[in-house]
Amino acid sequence: MCTGSDSASDSKSDPNSNGWTRARGAVLKSLVLIGGALLLRRLTKSTTRWDHARIVAESLNGEKFSKEQAVRDPDSYFNFRWLSCPAADMVDGSKVLYFEQAFWRTPHKPFRQVGTYAIRDAEEYKNFCDRPRDQRPQPEEVIGDIAEHLTTIHLKRCERGKRCLYEGSTPADGFPNSWNGATYCTSELAVLKNNEIHAWDRGYDDDGNQVWGVKGGPYEFKPAPASSFDDVLNPLSFASQPVGKRIEGSFVLQE
């Protein structure tokens, strides 16, 4: 989820294959705001498929840090804060999550505006999850502020014996990005047990040279052992919103 702007300036400042064809009966989709809003849509009555979407949603939700990785390799990785929470619950069963990243010392100054969707007036969404609910953009505003669709991350279930539950990426040719001399970027995402997330975003120039993002592997975000963040995924405490426009998927779960 590497689109948008990034104000971090250090050489290791920005964290973070082949794409797959869209699977028939896909059940997992997302949208992105300042950090990311994730739309999770149930397109079938199959309990199994909905369980996949629920597992991914619960894994993405909450407060996580890359502290352990930063301690192991401080020359390559920062201790970043990952934060995601519910933003809207729509009448068709779709759910929108908000997402952002910040340095752990300055959690209220998110440095990345990333996502698979553009968002109108992104400044209005900063610190969305940390604010009282009556001081956030309301669900109908969230839906109305979703703008241009930029890319899709295709997820599939991990093979037996691997640590992950789901993994995937954007298409190999990525999508447009202009930060730090890049012309395009790619994103890889893995969902592990215990709500751990691995995310690897990288930017490349016209010659295919990597110009931002870590080179040694993805950032590893693990849930905070004692987090003050308690915004839960279900149930959402606001009224469901009708979908007034067509919304493309940013995450597609393949079977």
C-alpha atoms as a PDB file:
ATOM      1  CA  MET A   1       0.000   0.000   0.000  1.00  0.00           C
ATOM      2  CA  CYS A   2       2.644   2.427  -1.119  1.00  0.00           C
ATOM      3  CA  THR A   3       0.814   5.198  -2.958  1.00  0.00           C
ATOM      4  CA  GLY A   4       0.495   8.725  -1.693  1.00  0.00           C
ATOM      5  CA  SER A   5       3.089  10.979  -0.082  1.00  0.00           C
ATOM      6  CA  ASP A   6       5.751  10.183   2.488  1.00  0.00           C
ATOM      7  CA  SER A   7       7.464  12.844   4.589  1.00  0.00           C
ATOM      8  CA  ALA A   8      10.097  10.597   6.190  1.00  0.00           C
ATOM      9  CA  SER A   9      13.497  11.539   4.771  1.00  0.00           C
ATOM     10  CA  ASP A  10      15.974   8.979   6.121  1.00  0.00           C
ATOM     11  CA  SER A  11      17.469   6.446   3.678  1.00  0.00           C
ATOM     12  CA  LYS A  12      15.537   3.663   5.388  1.00  0.00           C
ATOM     13  CA  SER A  13      12.443   5.802   5.792  1.00  0.00           C
ATOM     14  CA  ASP A  14       9.857   3.973   3.717  1.00  0.00           C
ATOM     15  CA  PRO A  15       8.906   0.423   4.762  1.00  0.00           C
ATOM     16  CA  ASN A  16       7.436  -1.901   3.070  1.00  0.00           C
ATOM     17  CA  SER A  17       5.599 -10.499  -8.373  1.00  0.00           C
ATOM     18  CA  ASN A  18       3.407 -11.438 -10.188  1.00  0.00           C
ATOM     19  CA  GLY A  19      -0.251 -10.474  -9.854  1.00  0.00           C
ATOM     20  CA  TRP A  20      -2.991 -13.012 -10.162  1.00  0.00           C
ATOM     21  CA  THR A  21      -6.190 -12.799 -12.136  1.00  0.00           C
ATOM     22  CA  ARG A  22      -9.261 -11.860 -10.175  1.00  0.00           C
ATOM     23  CA  ALA A  23     -10.787 -14.965  -8.657  1.00  0.00           C
ATOM     24  CA  ARG A  24     -14.409 -15.806  -9.278  1.00  0.00           C
ATOM     25  CA  GLY A  25     -16.472 -15.224  -6.148  1.00  0.00           C
ATOM     26  CA  ALA A  26     -13.805 -13.027  -4.537  1.00  0.00           C
ATOM     27  CA  VAL A  27     -14.844 -11.958  -1.055  1.00  0.00           C
ATOM     28  CA  LEU A  28     -12.175  -9.567   0.223  1.00  0.00           C
ATOM     29  CA  LYS A  29     -11.917  -5.974  -0.982  1.00  0.00           C
ATOM     30  CA  SER A  30     -10.516  -2.740   0.412  1.00  0.00           C
ATOM     31  CA  LEU A  31     -10.280   1.000   0.088  1.00  0.00           C
ATOM     32  CA  VAL A  32      -7.623   3.327   1.392  1.00  0.00           C
ATOM     33  CA  LEU A  33      -7.716   6.782   2.972  1.00  0.00           C
ATOM     34  CA  ILE A  34      -4.741   8.653   4.473  1.00  0.00           C
ATOM     35  CA  GLY A  35      -3.145   5.453   5.524  1.00  0.00           C
ATOM     36  CA  GLY A  36      -5.733   3.090   4.351  1.00  0.00           C
ATOM     37  CA  ALA A  37      -9.375   2.345   4.528  1.00  0.00           C
ATOM     38  CA  LEU A  38     -10.181  -1.248   3.834  1.00  0.00           C
ATOM     39  CA  LEU A  39     -13.526  -2.248   2.401  1.00  0.00           C
ATOM     40  CA  LEU A  40     -14.356  -5.846   3.255  1.00  0.00           C
ATOM     41  CA  ARG A  41     -17.298  -7.103   1.281  1.00  0.00           C
ATOM     42  CA  ARG A  42     -19.243 -10.328   1.542  1.00  0.00           C
ATOM     43  CA  LEU A  43     -20.257 -11.321  -1.983  1.00  0.00           C
ATOM     44  CA  THR A  44     -21.514 -14.792  -1.154  1.00  0.00           C
ATOM     45  CA  LYS A  45     -23.458 -16.537   1.584  1.00  0.00           C
ATOM     46  CA  SER A  46     -20.642 -19.044   2.026  1.00  0.00           C
ATOM     47  CA  THR A  47     -19.604 -19.088   5.664  1.00  0.00           C
ATOM     48  CA  THR A  48     -16.118 -20.271   4.744  1.00  0.00           C
ATOM     49  CA  ARG A  49     -15.457 -17.378   2.392  1.00  0.00           C
ATOM     50  CA  TRP A  50     -16.766 -14.839   4.860  1.00  0.00           C
ATOM     51  CA  ASP A  51     -14.493 -16.343   7.491  1.00  0.00           C
ATOM     52  CA  HIS A  52     -11.519 -15.548   5.244  1.00  0.00           C
ATOM     53  CA  ALA A  53     -12.549 -11.903   5.061  1.00  0.00           C
ATOM     54  CA  ARG A  54     -13.149 -11.781   8.813  1.00  0.00           C
ATOM     55  CA  ILE A  55      -9.711 -13.238   9.600  1.00  0.00           C
ATOM     56  CA  VAL A  56      -7.935 -10.738   7.358  1.00  0.00           C
ATOM     57  CA  ALA A  57      -9.999  -7.839   8.716  1.00  0.00           C
ATOM     58  CA  GLU A  58      -9.279  -8.754  12.329  1.00  0.00           C
ATOM     59  CA  SER A  59      -5.586  -9.155  11.546  1.00  0.00           C
ATOM     60  CA  LEU A  60      -5.326  -5.729   9.915  1.00  0.00           C
ATOM     61  CA  ASN A  61      -7.297  -4.030  12.681  1.00  0.00           C
ATOM     62  CA  GLY A  62      -5.650  -2.566  15.780  1.00  0.00           C
ATOM     63  CA  GLU A  63      -2.328  -1.120  16.922  1.00  0.00           C
ATOM     64  CA  LYS A  64       0.945  -2.836  15.932  1.00  0.00           C
ATOM     65  CA  PHE A  65       4.657  -1.981  16.058  1.00  0.00           C
ATOM     66  CA  SER A  66       7.848  -3.050  14.276  1.00  0.00           C
ATOM     67  CA  LYS A  67       9.838  -2.662  17.525  1.00  0.00           C
ATOM     68  CA  GLU A  68      11.350  -6.158  17.633  1.00  0.00           C
ATOM     69  CA  GLN A  69      12.645  -5.827  14.084  1.00  0.00           C
ATOM     70  CA  ALA A  70      14.073  -2.354  14.776  1.00  0.00           C
ATOM     71  CA  VAL A  71      15.958  -3.744  17.782  1.00  0.00           C
ATOM     72  CA  ARG A  72      17.390  -6.637  15.734  1.00  0.00           C
ATOM     73  CA  ASP A  73      18.451  -4.470  12.800  1.00  0.00           C
ATOM     74  CA  PRO A  74      18.402  -0.756  13.727  1.00  0.00           C
ATOM     75  CA  ASP A  75      20.415   0.198  10.636  1.00  0.00           C
ATOM     76  CA  SER A  76      17.673  -0.994   8.306  1.00  0.00           C
ATOM     77  CA  TYR A  77      14.365  -0.717  10.166  1.00  0.00           C
ATOM     78  CA  PHE A  78      12.533   1.887  12.229  1.00  0.00           C
ATOM     79  CA  ASN A  79      10.048   1.192  14.977  1.00  0.00           C
ATOM     80  CA  PHE A  80       6.857   2.180  13.181  1.00  0.00           C
ATOM     81  CA  ARG A  81       3.344   2.260  14.554  1.00  0.00           C
ATOM     82  CA  TRP A  82       0.589   0.648  12.450  1.00  0.00           C
ATOM     83  CA  LEU A  83      -2.946   1.665  13.387  1.00  0.00           C
ATOM     84  CA  SER A  84      -6.234   0.588  11.844  1.00  0.00           C
ATOM     85  CA  CYS A  85      -9.846   0.848  12.995  1.00  0.00           C
ATOM     86  CA  PRO A  86     -13.440   0.671  11.660  1.00  0.00           C
ATOM     87  CA  ALA A  87     -14.566   3.687   9.625  1.00  0.00           C
ATOM     88  CA  ALA A  88     -17.916   2.644   8.137  1.00  0.00           C
ATOM     89  CA  ASP A  89     -20.322  -0.264   7.983  1.00  0.00           C
ATOM     90  CA  MET A  90     -22.506  -0.372   4.888  1.00  0.00           C
ATOM     91  CA  VAL A  91     -25.848  -1.986   4.281  1.00  0.00           C
ATOM     92  CA  ASP A  92     -24.500  -4.615   1.865  1.00  0.00           C
ATOM     93  CA  GLY A  93     -22.212  -6.064   4.563  1.00  0.00           C
ATOM     94  CA  SER A  94     -19.101  -4.198   3.413  1.00  0.00           C
ATOM     95  CA  LYS A  95     -16.832  -2.783   6.079  1.00  0.00           C
ATOM     96  CA  VAL A  96     -14.386   0.079   5.740  1.00  0.00           C
ATOM     97  CA  LEU A  97     -11.261   0.253   7.903  1.00  0.00           C
ATOM     98  CA  TYR A  98      -9.010   3.276   8.301  1.00  0.00           C
ATOM     99  CA  PHE A  99      -5.215   2.812   8.312  1.00  0.00           C
ATOM    100  CA  GLU A 100      -2.132   4.945   8.960  1.00  0.00           C
ATOM    101  CA  GLN A 101       1.538   4.672   9.988  1.00  0.00           C
ATOM    102  CA  ALA A 102       3.749   6.855  12.172  1.00  0.00           C
ATOM    103  CA  PHE A 103       7.049   6.752  14.029  1.00  0.00           C
ATOM    104  CA  TRP A 104       6.446   5.265  17.473  1.00  0.00           C
ATOM    105  CA  ARG A 105       7.750   8.403  19.246  1.00  0.00           C
ATOM    106  CA  THR A 106       5.293  10.630  17.362  1.00  0.00           C
ATOM    107  CA  PRO A 107       2.141   8.534  16.927  1.00  0.00           C
ATOM    108  CA  HIS A 108      -0.038  11.597  16.345  1.00  0.00           C
ATOM    109  CA  LYS A 109       2.068  12.699  13.374  1.00  0.00           C
ATOM    110  CA  PRO A 110       1.479  10.016  10.737  1.00  0.00           C
ATOM    111  CA  PHE A 111       4.195  10.340   8.116  1.00  0.00           C
ATOM    112  CA  ARG A 112       2.636   8.311   5.325  1.00  0.00           C
ATOM    113  CA  GLN A 113      -0.374   8.969   3.178  1.00  0.00           C
ATOM    114  CA  VAL A 114      -0.587   5.646   1.431  1.00  0.00           C
ATOM    115  CA  GLY A 115      -3.206   3.546  -0.120  1.00  0.00           C
ATOM    116  CA  THR A 116      -4.845   1.822  -3.033  1.00  0.00           C
ATOM    117  CA  TYR A 117      -7.321   4.696  -3.259  1.00  0.00           C
ATOM    118  CA  ALA A 118      -6.872   8.442  -3.385  1.00  0.00           C
ATOM    119  CA  ILE A 119      -8.816  10.395  -0.768  1.00  0.00           C
ATOM    120  CA  ARG A 120     -10.178  13.916  -0.846  1.00  0.00           C
ATOM    121  CA  ASP A 121      -8.786  16.240   1.859  1.00  0.00           C
ATOM    122  CA  ALA A 122      -6.545  13.634   3.506  1.00  0.00           C
ATOM    123  CA  GLU A 123      -5.541  16.060   6.273  1.00  0.00           C
ATOM    124  CA  GLU A 124      -9.033  15.718   7.693  1.00  0.00           C
ATOM    125  CA  TYR A 125      -8.384  12.024   8.373  1.00  0.00           C
ATOM    126  CA  LYS A 126      -5.135  12.274  10.331  1.00  0.00           C
ATOM    127  CA  ASN A 127      -5.345  10.513  13.702  1.00  0.00           C
ATOM    128  CA  PHE A 128      -8.763   9.154  12.796  1.00  0.00           C
ATOM    129  CA  CYS A 129      -8.519   6.142  15.099  1.00  0.00           C
ATOM    130  CA  ASP A 130      -7.106   8.114  18.032  1.00  0.00           C
ATOM    131  CA  ARG A 131      -9.953  10.608  18.062  1.00  0.00           C
ATOM    132  CA  PRO A 132     -13.285  10.237  19.883  1.00  0.00           C
ATOM    133  CA  ARG A 133     -15.850   8.933  17.428  1.00  0.00           C
ATOM    134  CA  ASP A 134     -17.883  12.134  17.471  1.00  0.00           C
ATOM    135  CA  GLN A 135     -14.771  14.057  16.365  1.00  0.00           C
ATOM    136  CA  ARG A 136     -13.989  11.900  13.311  1.00  0.00           C
ATOM    137  CA  PRO A 137     -15.382  12.112   9.776  1.00  0.00           C
ATOM    138  CA  GLN A 138     -18.661  10.235   9.968  1.00  0.00           C
ATOM    139  CA  PRO A 139     -19.384   7.108   7.888  1.00  0.00           C
ATOM    140  CA  GLU A 140     -21.326   8.959   5.196  1.00  0.00           C
ATOM    141  CA  GLU A 141     -18.396  11.391   4.832  1.00  0.00           C
ATOM    142  CA  VAL A 142     -15.905   8.514   4.557  1.00  0.00           C
ATOM    143  CA  ILE A 143     -17.817   6.937   1.689  1.00  0.00           C
ATOM    144  CA  GLY A 144     -18.175  10.281  -0.057  1.00  0.00           C
ATOM    145  CA  ASP A 145     -14.474  11.085   0.247  1.00  0.00           C
ATOM    146  CA  ILE A 146     -13.232   7.952  -1.508  1.00  0.00           C
ATOM    147  CA  ALA A 147     -11.751   9.013  -4.843  1.00  0.00           C
ATOM    148  CA  GLU A 148      -9.552   7.471  -7.557  1.00  0.00           C
ATOM    149  CA  HIS A 149      -8.830   3.743  -7.446  1.00  0.00           C
ATOM    150  CA  LEU A 150      -5.080   3.228  -7.875  1.00  0.00           C
ATOM    151  CA  THR A 151      -4.283  -0.466  -7.527  1.00  0.00           C
ATOM    152  CA  THR A 152      -5.319  -3.876  -6.189  1.00  0.00           C
ATOM    153  CA  ILE A 153      -3.454  -6.240  -3.876  1.00  0.00           C
ATOM    154  CA  HIS A 154      -4.259  -9.877  -4.661  1.00  0.00           C
ATOM    155  CA  LEU A 155      -4.243 -12.224  -1.658  1.00  0.00           C
ATOM    156  CA  LYS A 156      -4.247 -16.007  -1.554  1.00  0.00           C
ATOM    157  CA  ARG A 157      -4.127 -18.553   1.210  1.00  0.00           C
ATOM    158  CA  CYS A 158      -0.581 -19.588   2.107  1.00  0.00           C
ATOM    159  CA  GLU A 159       0.651 -23.048   1.323  1.00  0.00           C
ATOM    160  CA  ARG A 160       0.628 -25.631   4.090  1.00  0.00           C
ATOM    161  CA  GLY A 161       3.716 -25.401   6.291  1.00  0.00           C
ATOM    162  CA  LYS A 162       4.286 -21.670   5.836  1.00  0.00           C
ATOM    163  CA  ARG A 163       4.034 -19.251   8.760  1.00  0.00           C
ATOM    164  CA  CYS A 164       1.510 -17.018   7.043  1.00  0.00           C
ATOM    165  CA  LEU A 165      -2.239 -17.429   6.618  1.00  0.00           C
ATOM    166  CA  TYR A 166      -2.604 -15.197   3.552  1.00  0.00           C
ATOM    167  CA  GLU A 167      -0.106 -13.480   1.277  1.00  0.00           C
ATOM    168  CA  GLY A 168      -0.154 -11.437  -1.886  1.00  0.00           C
ATOM    169  CA  SER A 169       1.027  -8.409  -3.819  1.00  0.00           C
ATOM    170  CA  THR A 170       0.215  -5.788  -6.364  1.00  0.00           C
ATOM    171  CA  PRO A 171       0.889  -6.706 -10.017  1.00  0.00           C
ATOM    172  CA  ALA A 172       4.596  -6.982 -10.866  1.00  0.00           C
ATOM    173  CA  ASP A 173       4.600  -3.702 -12.796  1.00  0.00           C
ATOM    174  CA  GLY A 174       3.216  -1.917  -9.747  1.00  0.00           C
ATOM    175  CA  PHE A 175       1.410   1.389  -9.953  1.00  0.00           C
ATOM    176  CA  PRO A 176       2.423   5.075 -10.280  1.00  0.00           C
ATOM    177  CA  ASN A 177       4.474   6.710  -7.538  1.00  0.00           C
ATOM    178  CA  SER A 178       6.672   9.819  -7.718  1.00  0.00           C
ATOM    179  CA  TRP A 179       8.297   9.958  -4.284  1.00  0.00           C
ATOM    180  CA  ASN A 180      12.114  10.247  -4.143  1.00  0.00           C
ATOM    181  CA  GLY A 181      12.609   9.773  -7.879  1.00  0.00           C
ATOM    182  CA  ALA A 182      10.336   6.764  -8.254  1.00  0.00           C
ATOM    183  CA  THR A 183       8.032   6.249 -11.210  1.00  0.00           C
ATOM    184  CA  TYR A 184       6.214   3.219  -9.810  1.00  0.00           C
ATOM    185  CA  CYS A 185       5.996   1.153  -6.624  1.00  0.00           C
ATOM    186  CA  THR A 186       4.991  -2.324  -5.524  1.00  0.00           C
ATOM    187  CA  SER A 187       3.436  -3.653  -2.317  1.00  0.00           C
ATOM    188  CA  GLU A 188       3.548  -7.095  -0.738  1.00  0.00           C
ATOM    189  CA  LEU A 189       1.432  -8.119   2.225  1.00  0.00           C
ATOM    190  CA  ALA A 190       1.316 -11.209   4.432  1.00  0.00           C
ATOM    191  CA  VAL A 191      -1.167 -11.980   7.210  1.00  0.00           C
ATOM    192  CA  LEU A 192       0.245 -14.222   9.967  1.00  0.00           C
ATOM    193  CA  LYS A 193      -1.193 -15.833  13.046  1.00  0.00           C
ATOM    194  CA  ASN A 194      -1.742 -13.756  16.191  1.00  0.00           C
ATOM    195  CA  ASN A 195      -2.695 -10.705  14.076  1.00  0.00           C
ATOM    196  CA  GLU A 196       0.867 -10.130  12.856  1.00  0.00           C
ATOM    197  CA  ILE A 197       1.255  -8.298   9.530  1.00  0.00           C
ATOM    198  CA  HIS A 198       4.267  -8.205   7.190  1.00  0.00           C
ATOM    199  CA  ALA A 199       4.301  -5.327   4.701  1.00  0.00           C
ATOM    200  CA  TRP A 200       6.924  -4.559   2.056  1.00  0.00           C
ATOM    201  CA  ASP A 201       6.594  -1.422  -0.055  1.00  0.00           C
ATOM    202  CA  ARG A 202       9.272  -0.436  -2.574  1.00  0.00           C
ATOM    203  CA  GLY A 203       9.665   2.315  -5.161  1.00  0.00           C
ATOM    204  CA  TYR A 204      11.523   2.039  -8.481  1.00  0.00           C
ATOM    205  CA  ASP A 205      12.722   4.420 -11.177  1.00  0.00           C
ATOM    206  CA  ASP A 206      12.329   4.050 -14.944  1.00  0.00           C
ATOM    207  CA  ASP A 207      15.386   1.771 -15.110  1.00  0.00           C
ATOM    208  CA  GLY A 208      14.046  -0.605 -12.467  1.00  0.00           C
ATOM    209  CA  ASN A 209      16.401   0.617  -9.732  1.00  0.00           C
ATOM    210  CA  GLN A 210      14.948   0.615  -6.212  1.00  0.00           C
ATOM    211  CA  VAL A 211      14.933   4.199  -4.928  1.00  0.00           C
ATOM    212  CA  TRP A 212      13.048   3.831  -1.666  1.00  0.00           C
ATOM    213  CA  GLY A 213      11.952   1.111   0.729  1.00  0.00           C
ATOM    214  CA  VAL A 214      13.959  -1.453   2.651  1.00  0.00           C
ATOM    215  CA  LYS A 215      15.821  -4.113   0.659  1.00  0.00           C
ATOM    216  CA  GLY A 216      16.271  -6.899   3.203  1.00  0.00           C
ATOM    217  CA  GLY A 217      12.658  -7.925   3.633  1.00  0.00           C
ATOM    218  CA  PRO A 218       9.251  -6.696   4.780  1.00  0.00           C
ATOM    219  CA  TYR A 219       8.435  -4.726   7.887  1.00  0.00           C
ATOM    220  CA  GLU A 220       7.061  -7.009  10.610  1.00  0.00           C
ATOM    221  CA  PHE A 221       4.230  -5.460  12.598  1.00  0.00           C
ATOM    222  CA  LYS A 222       3.234  -7.222  15.808  1.00  0.00           C
ATOM    223  CA  PRO A 223       0.347  -6.263  18.112  1.00  0.00           C
ATOM    224  CA  ALA A 224       1.306  -4.151  21.095  1.00  0.00           C
ATOM    225  CA  PRO A 225       1.332  -6.368  24.232  1.00  0.00           C
ATOM    226  CA  ALA A 226      -0.608  -3.789  26.250  1.00  0.00           C
ATOM    227  CA  SER A 227      -2.270  -1.319  23.908  1.00  0.00           C
ATOM    228  CA  SER A 228      -4.455   1.582  24.974  1.00  0.00           C
ATOM    229  CA  PHE A 229      -6.184   1.354  21.612  1.00  0.00           C
ATOM    230  CA  ASP A 230      -9.489  -0.448  22.037  1.00  0.00           C
ATOM    231  CA  ASP A 231     -11.471   0.345  18.887  1.00  0.00           C
ATOM    232  CA  VAL A 232     -12.782  -3.053  17.856  1.00  0.00           C
ATOM    233  CA  LEU A 233     -13.837  -4.290  14.452  1.00  0.00           C
ATOM    234  CA  ASN A 234     -17.226  -5.662  15.457  1.00  0.00           C
ATOM    235  CA  PRO A 235     -19.769  -4.510  16.183  1.00  0.00           C
ATOM    236  CA  LEU A 236     -19.475  -1.039  14.659  1.00  0.00           C
ATOM    237  CA  SER A 237     -21.399   1.541  16.635  1.00  0.00           C
ATOM    238  CA  PHE A 238     -22.763   3.644  13.794  1.00  0.00           C
ATOM    239  CA  ALA A 239     -25.605   3.232  11.346  1.00  0.00           C
ATOM    240  CA  SER A 240     -25.013   1.305   8.131  1.00  0.00           C
ATOM    241  CA  GLN A 241     -24.535   3.474   5.062  1.00  0.00           C
ATOM    242  CA  PRO A 242     -25.963   2.794   1.603  1.00  0.00           C
ATOM    243  CA  VAL A 243     -23.418   2.513  -1.212  1.00  0.00           C
ATOM    244  CA  GLY A 244     -24.207   5.301  -3.677  1.00  0.00           C
ATOM    245  CA  LYS A 245     -21.389   4.594  -6.125  1.00  0.00           C
ATOM    246  CA  ARG A 246     -19.470   1.653  -7.537  1.00  0.00           C
ATOM    247  CA  ILE A 247     -16.319   0.875  -5.563  1.00  0.00           C
ATOM    248  CA  GLU A 248     -13.546  -1.253  -7.039  1.00  0.00           C
ATOM    249  CA  GLY A 249     -11.724  -3.743  -4.836  1.00  0.00           C
ATOM    250  CA  SER A 250      -8.256  -3.005  -3.521  1.00  0.00           C
ATOM    251  CA  PHE A 251      -7.813  -6.417  -1.933  1.00  0.00           C
ATOM    252  CA  VAL A 252      -9.020  -9.544  -3.712  1.00  0.00           C
ATOM    253  CA  LEU A 253      -8.914 -12.908  -1.969  1.00  0.00           C
ATOM    254  CA  GLN A 254      -8.211 -15.795  -4.337  1.00  0.00           C
ATOM    255  CA  GLU A 255      -9.164 -19.382  -3.779  1.00  0.00           C
END
